[in-house]
Amino acid sequence: MKLENLRPAEGSTTKKVRVGRGIGSGIGKTSGKGQKGQWSRSGGGVKPGFEGGNIPLVRKVPIRGFNNYNFKKVYSTVNVGDLEIFDANTVITEELLYEYRVVGKRQPYGLKVLGNGTLTKPLTIKAAKATKSAIEKVEKAGGKIEIE
């Protein structure tokens, strides 16, 4: 088998229908669009979801739930177990975590420390928030969390 001999399987491809090529073609004159009307025109048709002037289904279905996107407080989060990579007595800030790529993106409300994982080294962590379990684990390891 050579590259120049490759062909699609017999019958797997069909020729493109060339519409509007005379009455003898079977799809001439109106090109399969019928006579007159919205669908026969160039650029004709309706937008998706249009129901002929009726209220569309999207507008009929009630809005459920509540979104607080405008006032949501977003924090950069880090687990206590992720801080094990740092040396003992290191002062940890959001900037340092960003440099080490522990947090992906710096968020507007600062750093929040979560209590997942274990910590064996004493660290000083400067954060905007921390969970109770995170504070317990850091203090148990001999460090402290400074809430700013």
C-alpha atoms as a PDB file:
ATOM      1  CA  MET A   1       0.000   0.000   0.000  1.00  0.00           C
ATOM      2  CA  LYS A   2       1.294   3.391  -1.011  1.00  0.00           C
ATOM      3  CA  LEU A   3       0.113   6.844  -0.059  1.00  0.00           C
ATOM      4  CA  GLU A   4      -0.822   7.735  -3.624  1.00  0.00           C
ATOM      5  CA  ASN A   5      -3.084   4.658  -3.857  1.00  0.00           C
ATOM      6  CA  LEU A   6      -5.274   5.545  -0.862  1.00  0.00           C
ATOM      7  CA  ARG A   7      -8.922   6.092  -1.802  1.00  0.00           C
ATOM      8  CA  PRO A   8     -12.193   6.205   0.185  1.00  0.00           C
ATOM      9  CA  ALA A   9     -14.148   2.936   0.221  1.00  0.00           C
ATOM     10  CA  GLU A  10     -16.546   2.330  -2.667  1.00  0.00           C
ATOM     11  CA  GLY A  11     -19.893   4.032  -1.976  1.00  0.00           C
ATOM     12  CA  SER A  12     -18.713   5.837   1.185  1.00  0.00           C
ATOM     13  CA  THR A  13     -18.618   9.225  -0.509  1.00  0.00           C
ATOM     14  CA  THR A  14     -21.388  10.849  -2.514  1.00  0.00           C
ATOM     15  CA  LYS A  15     -21.029  13.583  -5.086  1.00  0.00           C
ATOM     16  CA  LYS A  16     -22.095  17.096  -4.082  1.00  0.00           C
ATOM     17  CA  VAL A  17     -25.534  17.954  -5.463  1.00  0.00           C
ATOM     18  CA  ARG A  18     -25.256  20.970  -7.780  1.00  0.00           C
ATOM     19  CA  VAL A  19     -28.618  22.696  -7.430  1.00  0.00           C
ATOM     20  CA  GLY A  20     -30.017  25.246  -9.832  1.00  0.00           C
ATOM     21  CA  ARG A  21     -28.431  23.784 -12.970  1.00  0.00           C
ATOM     22  CA  GLY A  22     -31.508  23.553 -15.216  1.00  0.00           C
ATOM     23  CA  ILE A  23     -34.787  21.627 -15.272  1.00  0.00           C
ATOM     24  CA  GLY A  24     -33.118  18.516 -16.624  1.00  0.00           C
ATOM     25  CA  SER A  25     -31.099  18.078 -13.416  1.00  0.00           C
ATOM     26  CA  GLY A  26     -34.222  17.479 -11.310  1.00  0.00           C
ATOM     27  CA  ILE A  27     -33.155  20.212  -8.888  1.00  0.00           C
ATOM     28  CA  GLY A  28     -33.334  23.229 -11.185  1.00  0.00           C
ATOM     29  CA  LYS A  29     -35.240  26.512 -11.143  1.00  0.00           C
ATOM     30  CA  THR A  30     -36.211  26.815  -7.455  1.00  0.00           C
ATOM     31  CA  SER A  31     -33.320  24.538  -6.355  1.00  0.00           C
ATOM     32  CA  GLY A  32     -35.433  22.350  -4.069  1.00  0.00           C
ATOM     33  CA  LYS A  33     -36.752  25.290  -2.043  1.00  0.00           C
ATOM     34  CA  GLY A  34     -40.265  25.387  -3.487  1.00  0.00           C
ATOM     35  CA  GLN A  35     -42.101  28.520  -4.574  1.00  0.00           C
ATOM     36  CA  LYS A  36     -41.876  31.828  -2.717  1.00  0.00           C
ATOM     37  CA  GLY A  37     -41.871  32.258   1.067  1.00  0.00           C
ATOM     38  CA  GLN A  38     -39.399  32.857   3.848  1.00  0.00           C
ATOM     39  CA  TRP A  39     -37.412  29.669   3.332  1.00  0.00           C
ATOM     40  CA  SER A  40     -36.961  30.220  -0.405  1.00  0.00           C
ATOM     41  CA  ARG A  41     -35.238  33.566   0.038  1.00  0.00           C
ATOM     42  CA  SER A  42     -31.533  34.185   0.347  1.00  0.00           C
ATOM     43  CA  GLY A  43     -30.706  34.473   4.042  1.00  0.00           C
ATOM     44  CA  GLY A  44     -34.241  33.395   4.885  1.00  0.00           C
ATOM     45  CA  GLY A  45     -35.383  31.367   7.842  1.00  0.00           C
ATOM     46  CA  VAL A  46     -35.782  32.047  11.539  1.00  0.00           C
ATOM     47  CA  LYS A  47     -33.314  32.209  14.405  1.00  0.00           C
ATOM     48  CA  PRO A  48     -32.944  29.187  16.718  1.00  0.00           C
ATOM     49  CA  GLY A  49     -35.680  29.036  19.354  1.00  0.00           C
ATOM     50  CA  PHE A  50     -38.142  31.165  17.343  1.00  0.00           C
ATOM     51  CA  GLU A  51     -41.651  29.707  17.572  1.00  0.00           C
ATOM     52  CA  GLY A  52     -43.560  31.739  15.011  1.00  0.00           C
ATOM     53  CA  GLY A  53     -44.410  34.640  17.291  1.00  0.00           C
ATOM     54  CA  ASN A  54     -45.368  32.491  20.285  1.00  0.00           C
ATOM     55  CA  ILE A  55     -43.511  33.024  23.556  1.00  0.00           C
ATOM     56  CA  PRO A  56     -40.428  30.793  23.167  1.00  0.00           C
ATOM     57  CA  LEU A  57     -40.000  27.875  25.550  1.00  0.00           C
ATOM     58  CA  VAL A  58     -36.885  29.480  27.035  1.00  0.00           C
ATOM     59  CA  ARG A  59     -38.979  32.437  28.197  1.00  0.00           C
ATOM     60  CA  LYS A  60     -41.845  30.240  29.452  1.00  0.00           C
ATOM     61  CA  VAL A  61     -39.706  28.114  31.775  1.00  0.00           C
ATOM     62  CA  PRO A  62     -39.385  29.770  35.193  1.00  0.00           C
ATOM     63  CA  ILE A  63     -36.011  30.927  36.459  1.00  0.00           C
ATOM     64  CA  ARG A  64     -34.958  28.715  39.343  1.00  0.00           C
ATOM     65  CA  GLY A  65     -32.350  29.235  42.010  1.00  0.00           C
ATOM     66  CA  PHE A  66     -30.292  32.237  42.956  1.00  0.00           C
ATOM     67  CA  ASN A  67     -26.977  33.540  41.655  1.00  0.00           C
ATOM     68  CA  ASN A  68     -24.814  35.922  43.637  1.00  0.00           C
ATOM     69  CA  TYR A  69     -22.164  36.477  40.948  1.00  0.00           C
ATOM     70  CA  ASN A  70     -22.012  40.254  41.381  1.00  0.00           C
ATOM     71  CA  PHE A  71     -21.224  40.134  45.092  1.00  0.00           C
ATOM     72  CA  LYS A  72     -19.508  36.752  45.431  1.00  0.00           C
ATOM     73  CA  LYS A  73     -16.234  36.801  47.393  1.00  0.00           C
ATOM     74  CA  VAL A  74     -13.613  34.705  45.627  1.00  0.00           C
ATOM     75  CA  TYR A  75     -10.483  33.572  47.494  1.00  0.00           C
ATOM     76  CA  SER A  76      -7.310  31.779  46.408  1.00  0.00           C
ATOM     77  CA  THR A  77      -7.502  28.513  48.318  1.00  0.00           C
ATOM     78  CA  VAL A  78      -4.676  26.325  49.559  1.00  0.00           C
ATOM     79  CA  ASN A  79      -4.764  23.179  51.666  1.00  0.00           C
ATOM     80  CA  VAL A  80      -2.519  22.749  54.696  1.00  0.00           C
ATOM     81  CA  GLY A  81      -1.059  19.590  53.105  1.00  0.00           C
ATOM     82  CA  ASP A  82       0.141  21.597  50.085  1.00  0.00           C
ATOM     83  CA  LEU A  83       2.357  23.762  52.337  1.00  0.00           C
ATOM     84  CA  GLU A  84       4.598  20.804  53.211  1.00  0.00           C
ATOM     85  CA  ILE A  85       6.921  21.752  50.308  1.00  0.00           C
ATOM     86  CA  PHE A  86       8.188  24.844  52.158  1.00  0.00           C
ATOM     87  CA  ASP A  87      11.052  24.895  54.678  1.00  0.00           C
ATOM     88  CA  ALA A  88      10.378  25.324  58.399  1.00  0.00           C
ATOM     89  CA  ASN A  89       9.745  28.870  59.730  1.00  0.00           C
ATOM     90  CA  THR A  90       8.916  30.256  56.256  1.00  0.00           C
ATOM     91  CA  VAL A  91       6.525  33.195  56.074  1.00  0.00           C
ATOM     92  CA  ILE A  92       3.902  32.180  53.542  1.00  0.00           C
ATOM     93  CA  THR A  93       1.913  34.771  51.591  1.00  0.00           C
ATOM     94  CA  GLU A  94      -0.311  34.578  48.543  1.00  0.00           C
ATOM     95  CA  GLU A  95       2.513  36.039  46.411  1.00  0.00           C
ATOM     96  CA  LEU A  96       4.917  33.284  47.514  1.00  0.00           C
ATOM     97  CA  LEU A  97       2.335  30.587  46.739  1.00  0.00           C
ATOM     98  CA  TYR A  98       1.782  32.143  43.310  1.00  0.00           C
ATOM     99  CA  GLU A  99       5.535  32.101  42.601  1.00  0.00           C
ATOM    100  CA  TYR A 100       5.736  28.414  43.540  1.00  0.00           C
ATOM    101  CA  ARG A 101       2.570  27.765  41.476  1.00  0.00           C
ATOM    102  CA  VAL A 102       0.694  26.337  44.446  1.00  0.00           C
ATOM    103  CA  VAL A 103      -2.205  28.692  43.635  1.00  0.00           C
ATOM    104  CA  GLY A 104      -3.057  29.170  39.978  1.00  0.00           C
ATOM    105  CA  LYS A 105      -4.535  32.648  39.952  1.00  0.00           C
ATOM    106  CA  ARG A 106      -4.459  35.429  42.522  1.00  0.00           C
ATOM    107  CA  GLN A 107      -7.991  36.305  43.572  1.00  0.00           C
ATOM    108  CA  PRO A 108      -9.269  39.740  44.676  1.00  0.00           C
ATOM    109  CA  TYR A 109     -10.165  38.761  48.258  1.00  0.00           C
ATOM    110  CA  GLY A 110      -6.823  37.147  49.113  1.00  0.00           C
ATOM    111  CA  LEU A 111      -5.855  33.750  50.466  1.00  0.00           C
ATOM    112  CA  LYS A 112      -7.979  31.214  52.329  1.00  0.00           C
ATOM    113  CA  VAL A 113      -6.305  28.274  54.087  1.00  0.00           C
ATOM    114  CA  LEU A 114      -8.225  24.993  54.163  1.00  0.00           C
ATOM    115  CA  GLY A 115      -7.567  22.110  56.537  1.00  0.00           C
ATOM    116  CA  ASN A 116      -7.094  19.177  54.167  1.00  0.00           C
ATOM    117  CA  GLY A 117      -3.855  17.216  54.621  1.00  0.00           C
ATOM    118  CA  THR A 118      -1.206  17.179  57.348  1.00  0.00           C
ATOM    119  CA  LEU A 119       1.548  19.620  58.297  1.00  0.00           C
ATOM    120  CA  THR A 120       4.728  18.726  60.180  1.00  0.00           C
ATOM    121  CA  LYS A 121       6.744  21.975  59.936  1.00  0.00           C
ATOM    122  CA  PRO A 122       6.194  25.235  61.828  1.00  0.00           C
ATOM    123  CA  LEU A 123       5.087  27.892  59.301  1.00  0.00           C
ATOM    124  CA  THR A 124       3.814  31.460  59.552  1.00  0.00           C
ATOM    125  CA  ILE A 125       0.913  31.949  57.160  1.00  0.00           C
ATOM    126  CA  LYS A 126      -0.518  35.350  56.257  1.00  0.00           C
ATOM    127  CA  ALA A 127      -4.057  34.863  54.934  1.00  0.00           C
ATOM    128  CA  ALA A 128      -7.399  36.607  54.692  1.00  0.00           C
ATOM    129  CA  LYS A 129      -9.293  33.596  56.065  1.00  0.00           C
ATOM    130  CA  ALA A 130      -8.683  30.149  57.492  1.00  0.00           C
ATOM    131  CA  THR A 131     -10.866  27.244  58.571  1.00  0.00           C
ATOM    132  CA  LYS A 132     -10.869  26.023  62.179  1.00  0.00           C
ATOM    133  CA  SER A 133      -9.263  22.713  61.204  1.00  0.00           C
ATOM    134  CA  ALA A 134      -6.495  24.553  59.296  1.00  0.00           C
ATOM    135  CA  ILE A 135      -5.727  26.766  62.319  1.00  0.00           C
ATOM    136  CA  GLU A 136      -5.609  23.696  64.594  1.00  0.00           C
ATOM    137  CA  LYS A 137      -3.228  21.791  62.288  1.00  0.00           C
ATOM    138  CA  VAL A 138      -0.861  24.745  61.805  1.00  0.00           C
ATOM    139  CA  GLU A 139      -0.720  25.473  65.541  1.00  0.00           C
ATOM    140  CA  LYS A 140      -0.253  21.774  66.325  1.00  0.00           C
ATOM    141  CA  ALA A 141       2.815  21.804  64.015  1.00  0.00           C
ATOM    142  CA  GLY A 142       4.194  24.819  65.916  1.00  0.00           C
ATOM    143  CA  GLY A 143       3.281  27.543  63.424  1.00  0.00           C
ATOM    144  CA  LYS A 144       0.670  30.286  63.341  1.00  0.00           C
ATOM    145  CA  ILE A 145      -1.864  31.840  60.971  1.00  0.00           C
ATOM    146  CA  GLU A 146      -2.069  35.623  60.846  1.00  0.00           C
ATOM    147  CA  ILE A 147      -5.484  36.759  59.624  1.00  0.00           C
ATOM    148  CA  GLU A 148      -5.143  40.057  57.768  1.00  0.00           C
END
